[in-house]
Amino acid sequence: MRQLLRIEHLVAVAAVANGTVTKIVPFGVFVRLAPGVKGLLHVSDMASSSVASPDRVVRLALRRGF
């Protein structure tokens, strides 16, 4: 529980944060936000319009604000 609180202080839920795409899956992408901290960006949150596949929007190792 203590570790979860530290992560929550680092990146707020639903906030835009810089990160690097580490894995692309059918339902979204995993993003490294900080050393040892990964988050999931769901495919429904990747663009303002419908996204058929996450790899049409991002690529591995892409670094940007998510």
PDB file of N, CA and C in Angstrom:
ATOM      1  N   MET A   1       0.825  -1.192   0.000  1.00  0.00           N
ATOM      2  CA  MET A   1       0.000   0.000   0.000  1.00  0.00           C
ATOM      3  C   MET A   1       0.868   1.254   0.000  1.00  0.00           C
ATOM      4  N   ARG A   2       1.940   1.242   0.718  1.00  0.00           N
ATOM      5  CA  ARG A   2       2.825   2.398   0.778  1.00  0.00           C
ATOM      6  C   ARG A   2       3.388   2.731  -0.601  1.00  0.00           C
ATOM      7  N   GLN A   3       3.756   1.708  -1.401  1.00  0.00           N
ATOM      8  CA  GLN A   3       4.282   1.932  -2.740  1.00  0.00           C
ATOM      9  C   GLN A   3       3.226   2.569  -3.642  1.00  0.00           C
ATOM     10  N   LEU A   4       1.993   2.151  -3.550  1.00  0.00           N
ATOM     11  CA  LEU A   4       0.909   2.718  -4.343  1.00  0.00           C
ATOM     12  C   LEU A   4       0.743   4.206  -4.046  1.00  0.00           C
ATOM     13  N   LEU A   5       0.843   4.599  -2.821  1.00  0.00           N
ATOM     14  CA  LEU A   5       0.718   6.010  -2.460  1.00  0.00           C
ATOM     15  C   LEU A   5       1.836   6.840  -3.077  1.00  0.00           C
ATOM     16  N   ARG A   6       3.049   6.320  -3.117  1.00  0.00           N
ATOM     17  CA  ARG A   6       4.164   7.051  -3.712  1.00  0.00           C
ATOM     18  C   ARG A   6       3.947   7.232  -5.210  1.00  0.00           C
ATOM     19  N   ILE A   7       3.449   6.215  -5.893  1.00  0.00           N
ATOM     20  CA  ILE A   7       3.179   6.304  -7.328  1.00  0.00           C
ATOM     21  C   ILE A   7       2.069   7.313  -7.583  1.00  0.00           C
ATOM     22  N   GLU A   8       1.055   7.322  -6.775  1.00  0.00           N
ATOM     23  CA  GLU A   8      -0.054   8.247  -6.934  1.00  0.00           C
ATOM     24  C   GLU A   8       0.413   9.698  -6.794  1.00  0.00           C
ATOM     25  N   HIS A   9       1.395   9.951  -5.957  1.00  0.00           N
ATOM     26  CA  HIS A   9       1.934  11.301  -5.816  1.00  0.00           C
ATOM     27  C   HIS A   9       2.789  11.680  -7.019  1.00  0.00           C
ATOM     28  N   LEU A  10       3.384  10.710  -7.674  1.00  0.00           N
ATOM     29  CA  LEU A  10       4.230  10.956  -8.836  1.00  0.00           C
ATOM     30  C   LEU A  10       3.395  11.331 -10.057  1.00  0.00           C
ATOM     31  N   VAL A  11       2.325  10.582 -10.300  1.00  0.00           N
ATOM     32  CA  VAL A  11       1.469  10.803 -11.471  1.00  0.00           C
ATOM     33  C   VAL A  11       0.017  10.698 -11.026  1.00  0.00           C
ATOM     34  N   ALA A  12      -0.740  11.749 -11.208  1.00  0.00           N
ATOM     35  CA  ALA A  12      -2.148  11.737 -10.831  1.00  0.00           C
ATOM     36  C   ALA A  12      -2.960  10.926 -11.830  1.00  0.00           C
ATOM     37  N   VAL A  13      -3.975  10.251 -11.356  1.00  0.00           N
ATOM     38  CA  VAL A  13      -4.867   9.485 -12.214  1.00  0.00           C
ATOM     39  C   VAL A  13      -5.535  10.433 -13.203  1.00  0.00           C
ATOM     40  N   ALA A  14      -5.562  10.057 -14.482  1.00  0.00           N
ATOM     41  CA  ALA A  14      -6.174  10.816 -15.575  1.00  0.00           C
ATOM     42  C   ALA A  14      -5.393  12.075 -15.954  1.00  0.00           C
ATOM     43  N   ALA A  15      -4.188  12.242 -15.433  1.00  0.00           N
ATOM     44  CA  ALA A  15      -3.359  13.391 -15.794  1.00  0.00           C
ATOM     45  C   ALA A  15      -2.565  13.085 -17.054  1.00  0.00           C
ATOM     46  N   VAL A  16      -2.153  14.114 -17.762  1.00  0.00           N
ATOM     47  CA  VAL A  16      -1.256  13.946 -18.900  1.00  0.00           C
ATOM     48  C   VAL A  16       0.160  13.900 -18.351  1.00  0.00           C
ATOM     49  N   ALA A  17       0.906  12.852 -18.713  1.00  0.00           N
ATOM     50  CA  ALA A  17       2.271  12.682 -18.223  1.00  0.00           C
ATOM     51  C   ALA A  17       3.166  12.229 -19.370  1.00  0.00           C
ATOM     52  N   ASN A  18       4.437  12.599 -19.308  1.00  0.00           N
ATOM     53  CA  ASN A  18       5.391  12.130 -20.303  1.00  0.00           C
ATOM     54  C   ASN A  18       5.753  10.690 -20.010  1.00  0.00           C
ATOM     55  N   GLY A  19       5.913   9.905 -21.068  1.00  0.00           N
ATOM     56  CA  GLY A  19       6.281   8.511 -20.897  1.00  0.00           C
ATOM     57  C   GLY A  19       6.770   7.915 -22.197  1.00  0.00           C
ATOM     58  N   THR A  20       7.216   6.666 -22.116  1.00  0.00           N
ATOM     59  CA  THR A  20       7.743   5.943 -23.267  1.00  0.00           C
ATOM     60  C   THR A  20       6.946   4.662 -23.450  1.00  0.00           C
ATOM     61  N   VAL A  21       6.466   4.426 -24.657  1.00  0.00           N
ATOM     62  CA  VAL A  21       5.699   3.216 -24.961  1.00  0.00           C
ATOM     63  C   VAL A  21       6.620   2.007 -24.845  1.00  0.00           C
ATOM     64  N   THR A  22       6.242   1.032 -24.013  1.00  0.00           N
ATOM     65  CA  THR A  22       7.057  -0.164 -23.813  1.00  0.00           C
ATOM     66  C   THR A  22       6.417  -1.420 -24.386  1.00  0.00           C
ATOM     67  N   LYS A  23       5.092  -1.393 -24.558  1.00  0.00           N
ATOM     68  CA  LYS A  23       4.402  -2.580 -25.072  1.00  0.00           C
ATOM     69  C   LYS A  23       3.085  -2.148 -25.698  1.00  0.00           C
ATOM     70  N   ILE A  24       2.791  -2.723 -26.869  1.00  0.00           N
ATOM     71  CA  ILE A  24       1.525  -2.462 -27.552  1.00  0.00           C
ATOM     72  C   ILE A  24       0.689  -3.737 -27.511  1.00  0.00           C
ATOM     73  N   VAL A  25      -0.539  -3.617 -27.025  1.00  0.00           N
ATOM     74  CA  VAL A  25      -1.463  -4.745 -26.942  1.00  0.00           C
ATOM     75  C   VAL A  25      -2.774  -4.333 -27.609  1.00  0.00           C
ATOM     76  N   PRO A  26      -3.657  -5.280 -27.956  1.00  0.00           N
ATOM     77  CA  PRO A  26      -4.893  -4.932 -28.670  1.00  0.00           C
ATOM     78  C   PRO A  26      -5.773  -3.905 -27.956  1.00  0.00           C
ATOM     79  N   PHE A  27      -5.701  -3.833 -26.634  1.00  0.00           N
ATOM     80  CA  PHE A  27      -6.583  -2.938 -25.880  1.00  0.00           C
ATOM     81  C   PHE A  27      -5.907  -1.626 -25.469  1.00  0.00           C
ATOM     82  N   GLY A  28      -4.652  -1.401 -25.879  1.00  0.00           N
ATOM     83  CA  GLY A  28      -3.981  -0.159 -25.554  1.00  0.00           C
ATOM     84  C   GLY A  28      -2.475  -0.309 -25.547  1.00  0.00           C
ATOM     85  N   VAL A  29      -1.798   0.567 -24.796  1.00  0.00           N
ATOM     86  CA  VAL A  29      -0.336   0.516 -24.701  1.00  0.00           C
ATOM     87  C   VAL A  29       0.096   0.683 -23.251  1.00  0.00           C
ATOM     88  N   PHE A  30       1.217   0.060 -22.926  1.00  0.00           N
ATOM     89  CA  PHE A  30       1.833   0.259 -21.624  1.00  0.00           C
ATOM     90  C   PHE A  30       2.918   1.308 -21.796  1.00  0.00           C
ATOM     91  N   VAL A  31       2.962   2.249 -20.852  1.00  0.00           N
ATOM     92  CA  VAL A  31       3.862   3.394 -20.935  1.00  0.00           C
ATOM     93  C   VAL A  31       4.708   3.447 -19.677  1.00  0.00           C
ATOM     94  N   ARG A  32       6.041   3.582 -19.846  1.00  0.00           N
ATOM     95  CA  ARG A  32       6.921   3.756 -18.686  1.00  0.00           C
ATOM     96  C   ARG A  32       6.897   5.242 -18.328  1.00  0.00           C
ATOM     97  N   LEU A  33       6.425   5.554 -17.139  1.00  0.00           N
ATOM     98  CA  LEU A  33       6.283   6.930 -16.679  1.00  0.00           C
ATOM     99  C   LEU A  33       7.510   7.401 -15.908  1.00  0.00           C
ATOM    100  N   ALA A  34       8.147   6.471 -15.225  1.00  0.00           N
ATOM    101  CA  ALA A  34       9.345   6.738 -14.433  1.00  0.00           C
ATOM    102  C   ALA A  34      10.009   5.385 -14.199  1.00  0.00           C
ATOM    103  N   PRO A  35      11.248   5.353 -13.760  1.00  0.00           N
ATOM    104  CA  PRO A  35      11.875   4.056 -13.488  1.00  0.00           C
ATOM    105  C   PRO A  35      11.020   3.213 -12.541  1.00  0.00           C
ATOM    106  N   GLY A  36      10.626   2.033 -12.988  1.00  0.00           N
ATOM    107  CA  GLY A  36       9.816   1.134 -12.177  1.00  0.00           C
ATOM    108  C   GLY A  36       8.335   1.455 -12.139  1.00  0.00           C
ATOM    109  N   VAL A  37       7.895   2.467 -12.906  1.00  0.00           N
ATOM    110  CA  VAL A  37       6.481   2.862 -12.890  1.00  0.00           C
ATOM    111  C   VAL A  37       5.931   2.803 -14.309  1.00  0.00           C
ATOM    112  N   LYS A  38       4.959   1.900 -14.527  1.00  0.00           N
ATOM    113  CA  LYS A  38       4.298   1.779 -15.824  1.00  0.00           C
ATOM    114  C   LYS A  38       2.815   2.051 -15.663  1.00  0.00           C
ATOM    115  N   GLY A  39       2.220   2.544 -16.735  1.00  0.00           N
ATOM    116  CA  GLY A  39       0.789   2.786 -16.738  1.00  0.00           C
ATOM    117  C   GLY A  39       0.184   2.247 -18.020  1.00  0.00           C
ATOM    118  N   LEU A  40      -1.112   2.067 -18.029  1.00  0.00           N
ATOM    119  CA  LEU A  40      -1.837   1.601 -19.205  1.00  0.00           C
ATOM    120  C   LEU A  40      -2.613   2.757 -19.799  1.00  0.00           C
ATOM    121  N   LEU A  41      -2.430   2.985 -21.093  1.00  0.00           N
ATOM    122  CA  LEU A  41      -3.236   3.936 -21.834  1.00  0.00           C
ATOM    123  C   LEU A  41      -4.203   3.114 -22.672  1.00  0.00           C
ATOM    124  N   HIS A  42      -5.482   3.153 -22.331  1.00  0.00           N
ATOM    125  CA  HIS A  42      -6.486   2.356 -23.024  1.00  0.00           C
ATOM    126  C   HIS A  42      -6.717   2.904 -24.425  1.00  0.00           C
ATOM    127  N   VAL A  43      -7.016   2.010 -25.351  1.00  0.00           N
ATOM    128  CA  VAL A  43      -7.210   2.392 -26.750  1.00  0.00           C
ATOM    129  C   VAL A  43      -8.302   3.447 -26.902  1.00  0.00           C
ATOM    130  N   SER A  44      -9.295   3.447 -26.054  1.00  0.00           N
ATOM    131  CA  SER A  44     -10.376   4.429 -26.140  1.00  0.00           C
ATOM    132  C   SER A  44      -9.922   5.833 -25.748  1.00  0.00           C
ATOM    133  N   ASP A  45      -8.759   5.941 -25.091  1.00  0.00           N
ATOM    134  CA  ASP A  45      -8.228   7.239 -24.674  1.00  0.00           C
ATOM    135  C   ASP A  45      -7.088   7.724 -25.564  1.00  0.00           C
ATOM    136  N   MET A  46      -6.823   7.030 -26.661  1.00  0.00           N
ATOM    137  CA  MET A  46      -5.669   7.356 -27.496  1.00  0.00           C
ATOM    138  C   MET A  46      -5.929   8.457 -28.520  1.00  0.00           C
ATOM    139  N   ALA A  47      -7.171   8.676 -28.873  1.00  0.00           N
ATOM    140  CA  ALA A  47      -7.500   9.695 -29.873  1.00  0.00           C
ATOM    141  C   ALA A  47      -8.939  10.143 -29.671  1.00  0.00           C
ATOM    142  N   SER A  48      -9.270  11.275 -30.271  1.00  0.00           N
ATOM    143  CA  SER A  48     -10.640  11.782 -30.134  1.00  0.00           C
ATOM    144  C   SER A  48     -11.636  10.979 -30.969  1.00  0.00           C
ATOM    145  N   SER A  49     -11.133  10.263 -31.983  1.00  0.00           N
ATOM    146  CA  SER A  49     -12.001   9.398 -32.781  1.00  0.00           C
ATOM    147  C   SER A  49     -11.644   7.938 -32.491  1.00  0.00           C
ATOM    148  N   SER A  50     -12.429   7.027 -33.019  1.00  0.00           N
ATOM    149  CA  SER A  50     -12.218   5.602 -32.789  1.00  0.00           C
ATOM    150  C   SER A  50     -10.874   5.139 -33.360  1.00  0.00           C
ATOM    151  N   VAL A  51     -10.170   4.306 -32.609  1.00  0.00           N
ATOM    152  CA  VAL A  51      -8.883   3.749 -33.039  1.00  0.00           C
ATOM    153  C   VAL A  51      -9.058   2.249 -33.212  1.00  0.00           C
ATOM    154  N   ALA A  52      -8.823   1.760 -34.424  1.00  0.00           N
ATOM    155  CA  ALA A  52      -8.981   0.324 -34.700  1.00  0.00           C
ATOM    156  C   ALA A  52      -7.883  -0.498 -34.044  1.00  0.00           C
ATOM    157  N   SER A  53      -6.668   0.029 -34.039  1.00  0.00           N
ATOM    158  CA  SER A  53      -5.532  -0.697 -33.478  1.00  0.00           C
ATOM    159  C   SER A  53      -4.535   0.312 -32.905  1.00  0.00           C
ATOM    160  N   PRO A  54      -4.041   0.090 -31.687  1.00  0.00           N
ATOM    161  CA  PRO A  54      -3.105   1.034 -31.080  1.00  0.00           C
ATOM    162  C   PRO A  54      -1.859   1.301 -31.918  1.00  0.00           C
ATOM    163  N   ASP A  55      -1.400   0.299 -32.671  1.00  0.00           N
ATOM    164  CA  ASP A  55      -0.176   0.508 -33.448  1.00  0.00           C
ATOM    165  C   ASP A  55      -0.375   1.452 -34.639  1.00  0.00           C
ATOM    166  N   ARG A  56      -1.599   1.872 -34.889  1.00  0.00           N
ATOM    167  CA  ARG A  56      -1.843   2.897 -35.904  1.00  0.00           C
ATOM    168  C   ARG A  56      -1.638   4.302 -35.343  1.00  0.00           C
ATOM    169  N   VAL A  57      -1.549   4.406 -34.020  1.00  0.00           N
ATOM    170  CA  VAL A  57      -1.416   5.703 -33.364  1.00  0.00           C
ATOM    171  C   VAL A  57      -0.026   5.893 -32.753  1.00  0.00           C
ATOM    172  N   VAL A  58       0.549   4.827 -32.211  1.00  0.00           N
ATOM    173  CA  VAL A  58       1.858   4.905 -31.542  1.00  0.00           C
ATOM    174  C   VAL A  58       2.771   3.794 -32.035  1.00  0.00           C
ATOM    175  N   ARG A  59       4.037   3.892 -31.646  1.00  0.00           N
ATOM    176  CA  ARG A  59       5.009   2.833 -31.931  1.00  0.00           C
ATOM    177  C   ARG A  59       5.843   2.601 -30.680  1.00  0.00           C
ATOM    178  N   LEU A  60       6.496   1.452 -30.616  1.00  0.00           N
ATOM    179  CA  LEU A  60       7.363   1.158 -29.473  1.00  0.00           C
ATOM    180  C   LEU A  60       8.438   2.221 -29.347  1.00  0.00           C
ATOM    181  N   ALA A  61       8.791   2.534 -28.142  1.00  0.00           N
ATOM    182  CA  ALA A  61       9.832   3.496 -27.779  1.00  0.00           C
ATOM    183  C   ALA A  61       9.439   4.942 -28.050  1.00  0.00           C
ATOM    184  N   LEU A  62       8.206   5.193 -28.495  1.00  0.00           N
ATOM    185  CA  LEU A  62       7.742   6.569 -28.684  1.00  0.00           C
ATOM    186  C   LEU A  62       7.713   7.254 -27.322  1.00  0.00           C
ATOM    187  N   ARG A  63       8.269   8.449 -27.255  1.00  0.00           N
ATOM    188  CA  ARG A  63       8.270   9.205 -26.001  1.00  0.00           C
ATOM    189  C   ARG A  63       7.493  10.494 -26.243  1.00  0.00           C
ATOM    190  N   ARG A  64       6.460  10.707 -25.413  1.00  0.00           N
ATOM    191  CA  ARG A  64       5.638  11.911 -25.539  1.00  0.00           C
ATOM    192  C   ARG A  64       4.695  12.027 -24.352  1.00  0.00           C
ATOM    193  N   GLY A  65       3.884  13.039 -24.354  1.00  0.00           N
ATOM    194  CA  GLY A  65       2.891  13.205 -23.303  1.00  0.00           C
ATOM    195  C   GLY A  65       1.675  12.341 -23.612  1.00  0.00           C
ATOM    196  N   PHE A  66       1.235  11.582 -22.619  1.00  0.00           N
ATOM    197  CA  PHE A  66       0.073  10.712 -22.787  1.00  0.00           C
ATOM    198  C   PHE A  66      -0.974  11.079 -21.783  1.00  0.00           C
TER     199      PHE A  66
END
